[in-house]
Amino acid sequence: MRTLFPVTLLTAFLAVTAAPAQVRHVVVISIDGFPARILRDPALPFTTLHRMAREGAIADGMTPVNPTVTWPNHTAMVTGVAPDRHGVLYNGLVVRTGEGKAPKIEPWVDKKELVLAPTVYDAARAAGMTTAEIDWVAIYPTSTVTWSFPEQPKPDQPEVREMIADGVVSEDEIRNWGHSPINVHDDAWVRAAAHILEKHKPNLLLLHTLTTDSTHHTYGPDSLAGNTALILADRNVAQVLAAIDRAGLRDSTAVLVVSDHGFRGFRHVIHPNAILRERGLLRDAADCDAWTISEGGTAMVYVTRESKRAATAAALREAFRDVPGIARVIPPEEFAAAGYPKWTPGGRMADLVLAAEPGYAFDGAIRGDAVSDVPAGATPGAHGYLNSDPDMQEILVAWGAGIRPGSKLGLVPNVDVAPTIARLLGLPWPAGRGTALTQILSGSPSK
């Protein structure tokens, strides 16, 4: 495990960047799976986001990091670095389960082990500021978060008890959490954010909502259901802005609305583990020479039996050649150019990355044909495609205190979010971890 430079010492040698004088609070709202191109559609009534863009700033889009999935990109936005430095490749930590066995993804590991770079909320706490998170990811346990309403709230958690006592959520709602749908969770998360803003007034609040991602996976982007979920997300942003007003924070709060990746529809499914099984490289999850973990538009291939590494590596080069729908097989020597970590024996990074063509996605099935069609009438969507795909671009809208009205950006990297938050709050931030978007900040020279 990599040893991190302590955040408390980090602040001792980094110069504090001057913040716009009126900014005391930053609220980041992440709408999971909101494609930038859909926000640009003038026919869709994103009333709140369009108003914020007129009164504040908007980017044509943000480029996500590879892989274009939720946890790696949320982590990029709070660390200012890609997975080659922050280490998060999945919605959790890849765990090697033993020789000849499939690796698994474990989401509930200590953030200190999972995330290998300091975060902007770490820096805020080190500077004596207060922080809050609602359904943020790769953040537990929340040792540098003052107030937390997590992805899976429990009745005995302090902030949850407080919200039950104040009538923000009910005890039944929390106890039945695992049986309620994601749109109900989003509603509770937005209420929790409003409550924390009004009662505690944190300097930095991170809110993540999920209905848009779930809907796009099931019905695809540009569907009636998908667009309806995006419009609902826009209304949720309005609720957060109303809470900022009720808390008396409007003149001192900057709001950044972001997403973590885009989406594209697909009609065909590639089954790389079934290909490995057909090639004799895989029997089942407990007996395999190689194993593939799907991330939608890409898949990560691991050699699992070190005693057969050379033979397996040679077989893998042949196994995925000329498979319909596989656009690229990315070897370790190309990982750095794509922002993936360097391959090391027994490390987090896979031995190969498979990239799908448009119209195709990967899954984890170990039986069946190499490629199949989605069922008739189904219109699923996926992300995880290489970040060079324009459909993977994310949204960025900035509004409020410290934001230059009428600012426009082109396409920017999402690692620039963290240093921009730091600049707004006047926090120390090291060079080489993103670049603050000073073009949209009041009091900064435009470019």
Foldseek 3Di string as FASTA:
>chain_A
DDDEDQLLVVQVPFAFFAAQVQAQAEEEEAEAAAALVVVVPPVACLPQQVVLCQFFEWASFAQAAPQLDDPQQLLLLFFLAGCQQQVAHDCAFWAQPAFQFATDGDFPDALVVRTRGDTLLSLCVSVVFAEEEEQRGSCPPPPSHDYYNHPQHDCPDVLNVVCCVVVLDHNVCNVCVVVDDQVVSQSSSLSSLLVCCQPPVTRYYYYYGYPLVVQCQFANPPDPSNSVVVSVVSVSVVSNVVSCVNSVNQQHYKYKYKYRWHKGWAWKEFALLQLCVVVVQDDDRNGGQKFWAFQWQKIFIAGRHVVCVVVVVVVVVVSPPPDPFFPDKAAQVCQVVSSHHHDDVPDRHGGIMTGGDHRYIYDHDNHDDRMDTDDPPTIGMGGSHRSVDSRTTMIIRMHGHFFARPHYHYYHHSQQNNVQSSNNNSTGDDPPSHHHPQLGTPPGDHD
